[in-house]
Amino acid sequence: MNIEEIREYCIAKPGVTEGFPFNDTALVFKVAGKMFVLLDLSEDSRGISLKCDPELAIELREQHPEVTPAWHFNKLHWNGVDLKGSISNSQLKEWIDHSYTIVVESLPKSKREALR
C-alpha cells in the first residue's frame, strides 16, 4: 500500500480523525482522541507505527523482518513496519484493523457505542 491508500483506509474507519502531531513528516490517525496509527511521511523512512497487544507485537517481530519495536512509543505495545519491505497489502490492512480494534476496545462503553 502506498501512503495515500493507507490514509484512505484509516480515515474510512468509524470515528477516525487525522492530524500532524509533530510536524509535516508524520500523520497520525486517532479514534476518540486515541492514536492507533502513525504514518511516517519522510522520504527516507516511509514507515508506519501500529498499536498491538503485547503477544502479537512480539509474534510479528519474530515472523517478519520488516516489523520492529516502534522507536518512539512503548515498545511492548507498538510496532514499526517498514513499508519498503515485503508486507502484503492484506497483511498491512489486517494489522491496521487490529490496531484500531485494540484502541476502540479500550474506550468507555459510551464512546464505543457512539462509533456504531
PDB file of N, CA and C in Angstrom:
ATOM      1  N   MET A   1       0.851  -1.183   0.000  1.00  0.00           N
ATOM      2  CA  MET A   1       0.000   0.000   0.000  1.00  0.00           C
ATOM      3  C   MET A   1       0.892   1.239   0.000  1.00  0.00           C
ATOM      4  N   ASN A   2       0.470   2.226  -0.743  1.00  0.00           N
ATOM      5  CA  ASN A   2       1.203   3.483  -0.693  1.00  0.00           C
ATOM      6  C   ASN A   2       0.597   4.373   0.396  1.00  0.00           C
ATOM      7  N   ILE A   3       1.223   5.513   0.613  1.00  0.00           N
ATOM      8  CA  ILE A   3       0.809   6.423   1.681  1.00  0.00           C
ATOM      9  C   ILE A   3      -0.659   6.829   1.548  1.00  0.00           C
ATOM     10  N   GLU A   4      -1.089   7.193   0.353  1.00  0.00           N
ATOM     11  CA  GLU A   4      -2.473   7.633   0.160  1.00  0.00           C
ATOM     12  C   GLU A   4      -3.464   6.494   0.392  1.00  0.00           C
ATOM     13  N   GLU A   5      -3.121   5.289  -0.007  1.00  0.00           N
ATOM     14  CA  GLU A   5      -4.006   4.135   0.225  1.00  0.00           C
ATOM     15  C   GLU A   5      -4.142   3.856   1.722  1.00  0.00           C
ATOM     16  N   ILE A   6      -3.039   3.960   2.439  1.00  0.00           N
ATOM     17  CA  ILE A   6      -3.093   3.768   3.895  1.00  0.00           C
ATOM     18  C   ILE A   6      -3.954   4.856   4.524  1.00  0.00           C
ATOM     19  N   ARG A   7      -3.755   6.093   4.106  1.00  0.00           N
ATOM     20  CA  ARG A   7      -4.549   7.209   4.628  1.00  0.00           C
ATOM     21  C   ARG A   7      -6.033   6.974   4.393  1.00  0.00           C
ATOM     22  N   GLU A   8      -6.396   6.620   3.178  1.00  0.00           N
ATOM     23  CA  GLU A   8      -7.804   6.384   2.858  1.00  0.00           C
ATOM     24  C   GLU A   8      -8.373   5.213   3.663  1.00  0.00           C
ATOM     25  N   TYR A   9      -7.585   4.168   3.832  1.00  0.00           N
ATOM     26  CA  TYR A   9      -8.048   3.005   4.577  1.00  0.00           C
ATOM     27  C   TYR A   9      -8.306   3.370   6.042  1.00  0.00           C
ATOM     28  N   CYS A  10      -7.387   4.123   6.639  1.00  0.00           N
ATOM     29  CA  CYS A  10      -7.540   4.513   8.046  1.00  0.00           C
ATOM     30  C   CYS A  10      -8.709   5.464   8.242  1.00  0.00           C
ATOM     31  N   ILE A  11      -8.790   6.493   7.403  1.00  0.00           N
ATOM     32  CA  ILE A  11      -9.798   7.537   7.589  1.00  0.00           C
ATOM     33  C   ILE A  11     -11.215   7.002   7.331  1.00  0.00           C
ATOM     34  N   ALA A  12     -11.345   5.890   6.621  1.00  0.00           N
ATOM     35  CA  ALA A  12     -12.663   5.311   6.347  1.00  0.00           C
ATOM     36  C   ALA A  12     -13.256   4.603   7.563  1.00  0.00           C
ATOM     37  N   LYS A  13     -12.472   4.367   8.575  1.00  0.00           N
ATOM     38  CA  LYS A  13     -12.973   3.686   9.773  1.00  0.00           C
ATOM     39  C   LYS A  13     -13.832   4.648  10.592  1.00  0.00           C
ATOM     40  N   PRO A  14     -14.840   4.127  11.264  1.00  0.00           N
ATOM     41  CA  PRO A  14     -15.739   4.986  12.047  1.00  0.00           C
ATOM     42  C   PRO A  14     -15.017   5.800  13.119  1.00  0.00           C
ATOM     43  N   GLY A  15     -15.297   7.098  13.146  1.00  0.00           N
ATOM     44  CA  GLY A  15     -14.800   7.971  14.197  1.00  0.00           C
ATOM     45  C   GLY A  15     -13.351   8.388  14.079  1.00  0.00           C
ATOM     46  N   VAL A  16     -12.699   8.111  12.965  1.00  0.00           N
ATOM     47  CA  VAL A  16     -11.272   8.396  12.841  1.00  0.00           C
ATOM     48  C   VAL A  16     -11.033   9.832  12.397  1.00  0.00           C
ATOM     49  N   THR A  17     -10.066  10.452  13.048  1.00  0.00           N
ATOM     50  CA  THR A  17      -9.585  11.773  12.651  1.00  0.00           C
ATOM     51  C   THR A  17      -8.100  11.648  12.325  1.00  0.00           C
ATOM     52  N   GLU A  18      -7.606  12.627  11.562  1.00  0.00           N
ATOM     53  CA  GLU A  18      -6.185  12.610  11.225  1.00  0.00           C
ATOM     54  C   GLU A  18      -5.584  13.962  11.548  1.00  0.00           C
ATOM     55  N   GLY A  19      -4.289  13.970  11.746  1.00  0.00           N
ATOM     56  CA  GLY A  19      -3.616  15.221  12.026  1.00  0.00           C
ATOM     57  C   GLY A  19      -2.114  15.072  11.978  1.00  0.00           C
ATOM     58  N   PHE A  20      -1.419  16.200  12.089  1.00  0.00           N
ATOM     59  CA  PHE A  20       0.034  16.239  12.098  1.00  0.00           C
ATOM     60  C   PHE A  20       0.482  16.561  13.518  1.00  0.00           C
ATOM     61  N   PRO A  21       0.981  15.576  14.251  1.00  0.00           N
ATOM     62  CA  PRO A  21       1.286  15.807  15.662  1.00  0.00           C
ATOM     63  C   PRO A  21       2.577  16.557  15.930  1.00  0.00           C
ATOM     64  N   PHE A  22       3.590  16.321  15.137  1.00  0.00           N
ATOM     65  CA  PHE A  22       4.904  16.885  15.414  1.00  0.00           C
ATOM     66  C   PHE A  22       5.253  17.957  14.386  1.00  0.00           C
ATOM     67  N   ASN A  23       5.180  17.575  13.152  1.00  0.00           N
ATOM     68  CA  ASN A  23       5.470  18.468  12.032  1.00  0.00           C
ATOM     69  C   ASN A  23       4.873  17.813  10.791  1.00  0.00           C
ATOM     70  N   ASP A  24       5.260  18.243   9.645  1.00  0.00           N
ATOM     71  CA  ASP A  24       4.651  17.685   8.437  1.00  0.00           C
ATOM     72  C   ASP A  24       5.314  16.397   7.951  1.00  0.00           C
ATOM     73  N   THR A  25       6.114  15.759   8.804  1.00  0.00           N
ATOM     74  CA  THR A  25       6.747  14.497   8.402  1.00  0.00           C
ATOM     75  C   THR A  25       6.041  13.267   8.973  1.00  0.00           C
ATOM     76  N   ALA A  26       4.966  13.475   9.702  1.00  0.00           N
ATOM     77  CA  ALA A  26       4.208  12.346  10.245  1.00  0.00           C
ATOM     78  C   ALA A  26       2.724  12.694  10.247  1.00  0.00           C
ATOM     79  N   LEU A  27       1.922  11.694  10.042  1.00  0.00           N
ATOM     80  CA  LEU A  27       0.471  11.838  10.058  1.00  0.00           C
ATOM     81  C   LEU A  27      -0.058  10.812  11.050  1.00  0.00           C
ATOM     82  N   VAL A  28      -0.931  11.243  11.956  1.00  0.00           N
ATOM     83  CA  VAL A  28      -1.492  10.310  12.927  1.00  0.00           C
ATOM     84  C   VAL A  28      -2.980  10.137  12.688  1.00  0.00           C
ATOM     85  N   PHE A  29      -3.448   8.961  13.018  1.00  0.00           N
ATOM     86  CA  PHE A  29      -4.869   8.636  12.939  1.00  0.00           C
ATOM     87  C   PHE A  29      -5.323   8.256  14.332  1.00  0.00           C
ATOM     88  N   LYS A  30      -6.416   8.890  14.754  1.00  0.00           N
ATOM     89  CA  LYS A  30      -6.944   8.684  16.097  1.00  0.00           C
ATOM     90  C   LYS A  30      -8.410   8.308  16.024  1.00  0.00           C
ATOM     91  N   VAL A  31      -8.840   7.574  17.033  1.00  0.00           N
ATOM     92  CA  VAL A  31     -10.257   7.300  17.224  1.00  0.00           C
ATOM     93  C   VAL A  31     -10.576   7.733  18.653  1.00  0.00           C
ATOM     94  N   ALA A  32     -11.564   8.597  18.799  1.00  0.00           N
ATOM     95  CA  ALA A  32     -11.938   9.170  20.096  1.00  0.00           C
ATOM     96  C   ALA A  32     -10.721   9.769  20.795  1.00  0.00           C
ATOM     97  N   GLY A  33      -9.856  10.408  20.030  1.00  0.00           N
ATOM     98  CA  GLY A  33      -8.696  11.082  20.581  1.00  0.00           C
ATOM     99  C   GLY A  33      -7.510  10.195  20.902  1.00  0.00           C
ATOM    100  N   LYS A  34      -7.613   8.892  20.645  1.00  0.00           N
ATOM    101  CA  LYS A  34      -6.514   7.967  20.945  1.00  0.00           C
ATOM    102  C   LYS A  34      -5.888   7.469  19.650  1.00  0.00           C
ATOM    103  N   MET A  35      -4.579   7.585  19.576  1.00  0.00           N
ATOM    104  CA  MET A  35      -3.873   7.226  18.354  1.00  0.00           C
ATOM    105  C   MET A  35      -3.805   5.710  18.167  1.00  0.00           C
ATOM    106  N   PHE A  36      -4.045   5.285  16.916  1.00  0.00           N
ATOM    107  CA  PHE A  36      -3.869   3.873  16.577  1.00  0.00           C
ATOM    108  C   PHE A  36      -2.885   3.662  15.436  1.00  0.00           C
ATOM    109  N   VAL A  37      -2.556   4.712  14.690  1.00  0.00           N
ATOM    110  CA  VAL A  37      -1.574   4.618  13.604  1.00  0.00           C
ATOM    111  C   VAL A  37      -0.795   5.928  13.518  1.00  0.00           C
ATOM    112  N   LEU A  38       0.531   5.798  13.356  1.00  0.00           N
ATOM    113  CA  LEU A  38       1.375   6.932  13.000  1.00  0.00           C
ATOM    114  C   LEU A  38       2.038   6.568  11.681  1.00  0.00           C
ATOM    115  N   LEU A  39       1.886   7.422  10.711  1.00  0.00           N
ATOM    116  CA  LEU A  39       2.413   7.197   9.376  1.00  0.00           C
ATOM    117  C   LEU A  39       3.554   8.183   9.135  1.00  0.00           C
ATOM    118  N   ASP A  40       4.750   7.658   8.975  1.00  0.00           N
ATOM    119  CA  ASP A  40       5.935   8.483   8.738  1.00  0.00           C
ATOM    120  C   ASP A  40       5.952   8.893   7.271  1.00  0.00           C
ATOM    121  N   LEU A  41       5.936  10.177   7.024  1.00  0.00           N
ATOM    122  CA  LEU A  41       5.869  10.693   5.654  1.00  0.00           C
ATOM    123  C   LEU A  41       7.225  11.109   5.095  1.00  0.00           C
ATOM    124  N   SER A  42       8.274  11.015   5.898  1.00  0.00           N
ATOM    125  CA  SER A  42       9.588  11.450   5.420  1.00  0.00           C
ATOM    126  C   SER A  42      10.077  10.530   4.304  1.00  0.00           C
ATOM    127  N   GLU A  43      10.712  11.116   3.328  1.00  0.00           N
ATOM    128  CA  GLU A  43      11.160  10.376   2.140  1.00  0.00           C
ATOM    129  C   GLU A  43      12.125   9.247   2.479  1.00  0.00           C
ATOM    130  N   ASP A  44      12.983   9.458   3.470  1.00  0.00           N
ATOM    131  CA  ASP A  44      13.995   8.450   3.768  1.00  0.00           C
ATOM    132  C   ASP A  44      13.478   7.309   4.635  1.00  0.00           C
ATOM    133  N   SER A  45      12.302   7.433   5.196  1.00  0.00           N
ATOM    134  CA  SER A  45      11.817   6.407   6.116  1.00  0.00           C
ATOM    135  C   SER A  45      10.670   5.580   5.547  1.00  0.00           C
ATOM    136  N   ARG A  46       9.544   6.204   5.321  1.00  0.00           N
ATOM    137  CA  ARG A  46       8.335   5.524   4.833  1.00  0.00           C
ATOM    138  C   ARG A  46       7.987   4.294   5.683  1.00  0.00           C
ATOM    139  N   GLY A  47       7.541   4.576   6.890  1.00  0.00           N
ATOM    140  CA  GLY A  47       7.141   3.513   7.787  1.00  0.00           C
ATOM    141  C   GLY A  47       5.825   3.837   8.452  1.00  0.00           C
ATOM    142  N   ILE A  48       5.294   2.858   9.147  1.00  0.00           N
ATOM    143  CA  ILE A  48       4.031   3.019   9.852  1.00  0.00           C
ATOM    144  C   ILE A  48       4.197   2.393  11.236  1.00  0.00           C
ATOM    145  N   SER A  49       3.658   3.048  12.252  1.00  0.00           N
ATOM    146  CA  SER A  49       3.662   2.503  13.606  1.00  0.00           C
ATOM    147  C   SER A  49       2.233   2.132  13.963  1.00  0.00           C
ATOM    148  N   LEU A  50       2.100   0.932  14.524  1.00  0.00           N
ATOM    149  CA  LEU A  50       0.781   0.378  14.834  1.00  0.00           C
ATOM    150  C   LEU A  50       0.732  -0.114  16.272  1.00  0.00           C
ATOM    151  N   LYS A  51      -0.387   0.114  16.928  1.00  0.00           N
ATOM    152  CA  LYS A  51      -0.578  -0.397  18.281  1.00  0.00           C
ATOM    153  C   LYS A  51      -0.922  -1.885  18.205  1.00  0.00           C
ATOM    154  N   CYS A  52      -0.365  -2.662  19.123  1.00  0.00           N
ATOM    155  CA  CYS A  52      -0.609  -4.117  19.155  1.00  0.00           C
ATOM    156  C   CYS A  52      -0.812  -4.568  20.594  1.00  0.00           C
ATOM    157  N   ASP A  53      -1.453  -5.711  20.767  1.00  0.00           N
ATOM    158  CA  ASP A  53      -1.400  -6.308  22.085  1.00  0.00           C
ATOM    159  C   ASP A  53       0.010  -6.896  22.212  1.00  0.00           C
ATOM    160  N   PRO A  54       0.567  -6.976  23.419  1.00  0.00           N
ATOM    161  CA  PRO A  54       1.974  -7.363  23.582  1.00  0.00           C
ATOM    162  C   PRO A  54       2.338  -8.704  22.945  1.00  0.00           C
ATOM    163  N   GLU A  55       1.487  -9.700  23.067  1.00  0.00           N
ATOM    164  CA  GLU A  55       1.811 -11.006  22.490  1.00  0.00           C
ATOM    165  C   GLU A  55       1.904 -10.947  20.972  1.00  0.00           C
ATOM    166  N   LEU A  56       0.974 -10.255  20.336  1.00  0.00           N
ATOM    167  CA  LEU A  56       1.017 -10.133  18.887  1.00  0.00           C
ATOM    168  C   LEU A  56       2.219  -9.299  18.458  1.00  0.00           C
ATOM    169  N   ALA A  57       2.545  -8.266  19.201  1.00  0.00           N
ATOM    170  CA  ALA A  57       3.693  -7.427  18.852  1.00  0.00           C
ATOM    171  C   ALA A  57       4.957  -8.275  18.763  1.00  0.00           C
ATOM    172  N   ILE A  58       5.180  -9.118  19.745  1.00  0.00           N
ATOM    173  CA  ILE A  58       6.366  -9.983  19.753  1.00  0.00           C
ATOM    174  C   ILE A  58       6.300 -11.000  18.628  1.00  0.00           C
ATOM    175  N   GLU A  59       5.144 -11.600  18.428  1.00  0.00           N
ATOM    176  CA  GLU A  59       4.974 -12.600  17.369  1.00  0.00           C
ATOM    177  C   GLU A  59       5.281 -12.004  15.988  1.00  0.00           C
ATOM    178  N   LEU A  60       4.769 -10.814  15.727  1.00  0.00           N
ATOM    179  CA  LEU A  60       5.004 -10.180  14.431  1.00  0.00           C
ATOM    180  C   LEU A  60       6.477  -9.871  14.219  1.00  0.00           C
ATOM    181  N   ARG A  61       7.152  -9.436  15.268  1.00  0.00           N
ATOM    182  CA  ARG A  61       8.584  -9.135  15.165  1.00  0.00           C
ATOM    183  C   ARG A  61       9.395 -10.389  14.851  1.00  0.00           C
ATOM    184  N   GLU A  62       8.969 -11.517  15.416  1.00  0.00           N
ATOM    185  CA  GLU A  62       9.683 -12.772  15.180  1.00  0.00           C
ATOM    186  C   GLU A  62       9.445 -13.305  13.771  1.00  0.00           C
ATOM    187  N   GLN A  63       8.279 -13.041  13.207  1.00  0.00           N
ATOM    188  CA  GLN A  63       7.905 -13.612  11.905  1.00  0.00           C
ATOM    189  C   GLN A  63       8.251 -12.731  10.711  1.00  0.00           C
ATOM    190  N   HIS A  64       8.405 -11.442  10.917  1.00  0.00           N
ATOM    191  CA  HIS A  64       8.581 -10.517   9.795  1.00  0.00           C
ATOM    192  C   HIS A  64       9.762  -9.584  10.036  1.00  0.00           C
ATOM    193  N   PRO A  65      10.787  -9.639   9.203  1.00  0.00           N
ATOM    194  CA  PRO A  65      11.941  -8.757   9.402  1.00  0.00           C
ATOM    195  C   PRO A  65      11.611  -7.269   9.235  1.00  0.00           C
ATOM    196  N   GLU A  66      10.513  -6.948   8.565  1.00  0.00           N
ATOM    197  CA  GLU A  66      10.106  -5.550   8.370  1.00  0.00           C
ATOM    198  C   GLU A  66       9.482  -4.945   9.626  1.00  0.00           C
ATOM    199  N   VAL A  67       9.173  -5.784  10.615  1.00  0.00           N
ATOM    200  CA  VAL A  67       8.487  -5.338  11.829  1.00  0.00           C
ATOM    201  C   VAL A  67       9.487  -5.254  12.973  1.00  0.00           C
ATOM    202  N   THR A  68       9.558  -4.084  13.593  1.00  0.00           N
ATOM    203  CA  THR A  68      10.469  -3.843  14.708  1.00  0.00           C
ATOM    204  C   THR A  68       9.728  -3.070  15.792  1.00  0.00           C
ATOM    205  N   PRO A  69      10.278  -3.024  17.002  1.00  0.00           N
ATOM    206  CA  PRO A  69       9.641  -2.165  18.010  1.00  0.00           C
ATOM    207  C   PRO A  69       9.642  -0.727  17.523  1.00  0.00           C
ATOM    208  N   ALA A  70       8.553  -0.038  17.718  1.00  0.00           N
ATOM    209  CA  ALA A  70       8.477   1.369  17.306  1.00  0.00           C
ATOM    210  C   ALA A  70       9.376   2.190  18.219  1.00  0.00           C
ATOM    211  N   TRP A  71      10.271   2.941  17.650  1.00  0.00           N
ATOM    212  CA  TRP A  71      11.279   3.664  18.432  1.00  0.00           C
ATOM    213  C   TRP A  71      10.676   4.787  19.264  1.00  0.00           C
ATOM    214  N   HIS A  72       9.545   5.305  18.875  1.00  0.00           N
ATOM    215  CA  HIS A  72       9.001   6.496  19.520  1.00  0.00           C
ATOM    216  C   HIS A  72       7.802   6.223  20.415  1.00  0.00           C
ATOM    217  N   PHE A  73       7.518   4.944  20.665  1.00  0.00           N
ATOM    218  CA  PHE A  73       6.379   4.588  21.509  1.00  0.00           C
ATOM    219  C   PHE A  73       6.772   3.478  22.474  1.00  0.00           C
ATOM    220  N   ASN A  74       5.834   3.090  23.310  1.00  0.00           N
ATOM    221  CA  ASN A  74       6.026   1.952  24.199  1.00  0.00           C
ATOM    222  C   ASN A  74       6.328   0.724  23.341  1.00  0.00           C
ATOM    223  N   LYS A  75       7.522   0.210  23.428  1.00  0.00           N
ATOM    224  CA  LYS A  75       7.971  -0.867  22.557  1.00  0.00           C
ATOM    225  C   LYS A  75       7.240  -2.186  22.800  1.00  0.00           C
ATOM    226  N   LEU A  76       6.583  -2.312  23.935  1.00  0.00           N
ATOM    227  CA  LEU A  76       5.816  -3.516  24.215  1.00  0.00           C
ATOM    228  C   LEU A  76       4.504  -3.524  23.430  1.00  0.00           C
ATOM    229  N   HIS A  77       3.950  -2.346  23.174  1.00  0.00           N
ATOM    230  CA  HIS A  77       2.627  -2.247  22.558  1.00  0.00           C
ATOM    231  C   HIS A  77       2.613  -1.662  21.159  1.00  0.00           C
ATOM    232  N   TRP A  78       3.750  -1.174  20.664  1.00  0.00           N
ATOM    233  CA  TRP A  78       3.774  -0.537  19.354  1.00  0.00           C
ATOM    234  C   TRP A  78       4.837  -1.174  18.479  1.00  0.00           C
ATOM    235  N   ASN A  79       4.480  -1.458  17.238  1.00  0.00           N
ATOM    236  CA  ASN A  79       5.417  -1.980  16.247  1.00  0.00           C
ATOM    237  C   ASN A  79       5.590  -0.971  15.132  1.00  0.00           C
ATOM    238  N   GLY A  80       6.775  -0.911  14.616  1.00  0.00           N
ATOM    239  CA  GLY A  80       7.059  -0.141  13.419  1.00  0.00           C
ATOM    240  C   GLY A  80       7.159  -1.096  12.246  1.00  0.00           C
ATOM    241  N   VAL A  81       6.604  -0.707  11.127  1.00  0.00           N
ATOM    242  CA  VAL A  81       6.631  -1.550   9.935  1.00  0.00           C
ATOM    243  C   VAL A  81       7.264  -0.744   8.795  1.00  0.00           C
ATOM    244  N   ASP A  82       8.307  -1.314   8.211  1.00  0.00           N
ATOM    245  CA  ASP A  82       8.980  -0.696   7.073  1.00  0.00           C
ATOM    246  C   ASP A  82       8.133  -0.933   5.831  1.00  0.00           C
ATOM    247  N   LEU A  83       7.604   0.121   5.256  1.00  0.00           N
ATOM    248  CA  LEU A  83       6.740  -0.013   4.078  1.00  0.00           C
ATOM    249  C   LEU A  83       7.519  -0.345   2.812  1.00  0.00           C
ATOM    250  N   LYS A  84       8.830  -0.276   2.891  1.00  0.00           N
ATOM    251  CA  LYS A  84       9.656  -0.651   1.747  1.00  0.00           C
ATOM    252  C   LYS A  84       9.892  -2.161   1.711  1.00  0.00           C
ATOM    253  N   GLY A  85       9.450  -2.870   2.732  1.00  0.00           N
ATOM    254  CA  GLY A  85       9.646  -4.317   2.830  1.00  0.00           C
ATOM    255  C   GLY A  85       8.619  -5.084   2.023  1.00  0.00           C
ATOM    256  N   SER A  86       8.474  -6.350   2.353  1.00  0.00           N
ATOM    257  CA  SER A  86       7.620  -7.241   1.564  1.00  0.00           C
ATOM    258  C   SER A  86       6.256  -7.506   2.202  1.00  0.00           C
ATOM    259  N   ILE A  87       5.804  -6.618   3.076  1.00  0.00           N
ATOM    260  CA  ILE A  87       4.499  -6.792   3.713  1.00  0.00           C
ATOM    261  C   ILE A  87       3.407  -6.629   2.658  1.00  0.00           C
ATOM    262  N   SER A  88       2.505  -7.595   2.606  1.00  0.00           N
ATOM    263  CA  SER A  88       1.420  -7.531   1.624  1.00  0.00           C
ATOM    264  C   SER A  88       0.367  -6.510   2.061  1.00  0.00           C
ATOM    265  N   ASN A  89      -0.401  -6.042   1.107  1.00  0.00           N
ATOM    266  CA  ASN A  89      -1.487  -5.105   1.402  1.00  0.00           C
ATOM    267  C   ASN A  89      -2.483  -5.704   2.377  1.00  0.00           C
ATOM    268  N   SER A  90      -2.838  -6.963   2.173  1.00  0.00           N
ATOM    269  CA  SER A  90      -3.829  -7.597   3.053  1.00  0.00           C
ATOM    270  C   SER A  90      -3.287  -7.736   4.476  1.00  0.00           C
ATOM    271  N   GLN A  91      -2.001  -8.026   4.608  1.00  0.00           N
ATOM    272  CA  GLN A  91      -1.404  -8.138   5.929  1.00  0.00           C
ATOM    273  C   GLN A  91      -1.386  -6.776   6.626  1.00  0.00           C
ATOM    274  N   LEU A  92      -1.010  -5.748   5.897  1.00  0.00           N
ATOM    275  CA  LEU A  92      -0.970  -4.416   6.476  1.00  0.00           C
ATOM    276  C   LEU A  92      -2.370  -3.970   6.899  1.00  0.00           C
ATOM    277  N   LYS A  93      -3.366  -4.245   6.082  1.00  0.00           N
ATOM    278  CA  LYS A  93      -4.748  -3.902   6.447  1.00  0.00           C
ATOM    279  C   LYS A  93      -5.172  -4.653   7.704  1.00  0.00           C
ATOM    280  N   GLU A  94      -4.790  -5.907   7.802  1.00  0.00           N
ATOM    281  CA  GLU A  94      -5.119  -6.715   8.987  1.00  0.00           C
ATOM    282  C   GLU A  94      -4.498  -6.093  10.238  1.00  0.00           C
ATOM    283  N   TRP A  95      -3.267  -5.629  10.130  1.00  0.00           N
ATOM    284  CA  TRP A  95      -2.598  -5.022  11.279  1.00  0.00           C
ATOM    285  C   TRP A  95      -3.197  -3.664  11.619  1.00  0.00           C
ATOM    286  N   ILE A  96      -3.582  -2.894  10.636  1.00  0.00           N
ATOM    287  CA  ILE A  96      -4.268  -1.621  10.896  1.00  0.00           C
ATOM    288  C   ILE A  96      -5.597  -1.895  11.595  1.00  0.00           C
ATOM    289  N   ASP A  97      -6.338  -2.883  11.121  1.00  0.00           N
ATOM    290  CA  ASP A  97      -7.607  -3.258  11.751  1.00  0.00           C
ATOM    291  C   ASP A  97      -7.399  -3.659  13.207  1.00  0.00           C
ATOM    292  N   HIS A  98      -6.355  -4.440  13.459  1.00  0.00           N
ATOM    293  CA  HIS A  98      -6.051  -4.875  14.828  1.00  0.00           C
ATOM    294  C   HIS A  98      -5.760  -3.660  15.711  1.00  0.00           C
ATOM    295  N   SER A  99      -4.942  -2.741  15.209  1.00  0.00           N
ATOM    296  CA  SER A  99      -4.591  -1.552  15.966  1.00  0.00           C
ATOM    297  C   SER A  99      -5.840  -0.729  16.301  1.00  0.00           C
ATOM    298  N   TYR A 100      -6.694  -0.550  15.307  1.00  0.00           N
ATOM    299  CA  TYR A 100      -7.948   0.190  15.507  1.00  0.00           C
ATOM    300  C   TYR A 100      -8.810  -0.511  16.577  1.00  0.00           C
ATOM    301  N   THR A 101      -8.937  -1.811  16.464  1.00  0.00           N
ATOM    302  CA  THR A 101      -9.766  -2.586  17.398  1.00  0.00           C
ATOM    303  C   THR A 101      -9.231  -2.494  18.823  1.00  0.00           C
ATOM    304  N   ILE A 102      -7.924  -2.598  18.992  1.00  0.00           N
ATOM    305  CA  ILE A 102      -7.323  -2.502  20.324  1.00  0.00           C
ATOM    306  C   ILE A 102      -7.697  -1.172  20.980  1.00  0.00           C
ATOM    307  N   VAL A 103      -7.597  -0.101  20.222  1.00  0.00           N
ATOM    308  CA  VAL A 103      -7.910   1.223  20.771  1.00  0.00           C
ATOM    309  C   VAL A 103      -9.404   1.348  21.055  1.00  0.00           C
ATOM    310  N   VAL A 104     -10.256   0.925  20.129  1.00  0.00           N
ATOM    311  CA  VAL A 104     -11.705   1.020  20.333  1.00  0.00           C
ATOM    312  C   VAL A 104     -12.132   0.211  21.560  1.00  0.00           C
ATOM    313  N   GLU A 105     -11.578  -0.974  21.723  1.00  0.00           N
ATOM    314  CA  GLU A 105     -11.944  -1.813  22.869  1.00  0.00           C
ATOM    315  C   GLU A 105     -11.516  -1.209  24.199  1.00  0.00           C
ATOM    316  N   SER A 106     -10.537  -0.302  24.169  1.00  0.00           N
ATOM    317  CA  SER A 106     -10.078   0.337  25.405  1.00  0.00           C
ATOM    318  C   SER A 106     -10.931   1.552  25.786  1.00  0.00           C
ATOM    319  N   LEU A 107     -11.816   1.967  24.893  1.00  0.00           N
ATOM    320  CA  LEU A 107     -12.657   3.136  25.143  1.00  0.00           C
ATOM    321  C   LEU A 107     -13.799   2.795  26.098  1.00  0.00           C
ATOM    322  N   PRO A 108     -14.299   3.799  26.817  1.00  0.00           N
ATOM    323  CA  PRO A 108     -15.502   3.577  27.628  1.00  0.00           C
ATOM    324  C   PRO A 108     -16.660   3.135  26.726  1.00  0.00           C
ATOM    325  N   LYS A 109     -17.565   2.386  27.296  1.00  0.00           N
ATOM    326  CA  LYS A 109     -18.680   1.825  26.531  1.00  0.00           C
ATOM    327  C   LYS A 109     -19.454   2.888  25.750  1.00  0.00           C
ATOM    328  N   SER A 110     -19.698   4.036  26.353  1.00  0.00           N
ATOM    329  CA  SER A 110     -20.470   5.084  25.665  1.00  0.00           C
ATOM    330  C   SER A 110     -19.753   5.566  24.393  1.00  0.00           C
ATOM    331  N   LYS A 111     -18.428   5.687  24.447  1.00  0.00           N
ATOM    332  CA  LYS A 111     -17.675   6.117  23.267  1.00  0.00           C
ATOM    333  C   LYS A 111     -17.649   5.018  22.205  1.00  0.00           C
ATOM    334  N   ARG A 112     -17.540   3.759  22.634  1.00  0.00           N
ATOM    335  CA  ARG A 112     -17.572   2.633  21.670  1.00  0.00           C
ATOM    336  C   ARG A 112     -18.902   2.603  20.956  1.00  0.00           C
ATOM    337  N   GLU A 113     -19.990   2.763  21.680  1.00  0.00           N
ATOM    338  CA  GLU A 113     -21.333   2.711  21.086  1.00  0.00           C
ATOM    339  C   GLU A 113     -21.553   3.874  20.113  1.00  0.00           C
ATOM    340  N   ALA A 114     -20.941   5.025  20.393  1.00  0.00           N
ATOM    341  CA  ALA A 114     -21.092   6.182  19.512  1.00  0.00           C
ATOM    342  C   ALA A 114     -20.435   5.951  18.150  1.00  0.00           C
ATOM    343  N   LEU A 115     -19.521   4.998  18.055  1.00  0.00           N
ATOM    344  CA  LEU A 115     -18.835   4.713  16.807  1.00  0.00           C
ATOM    345  C   LEU A 115     -19.655   3.835  15.878  1.00  0.00           C
ATOM    346  N   ARG A 116     -20.719   3.257  16.378  1.00  0.00           N
ATOM    347  CA  ARG A 116     -21.528   2.333  15.554  1.00  0.00           C
ATOM    348  C   ARG A 116     -22.544   3.062  14.755  1.00  0.00           C
TER     349      ARG A 116
END
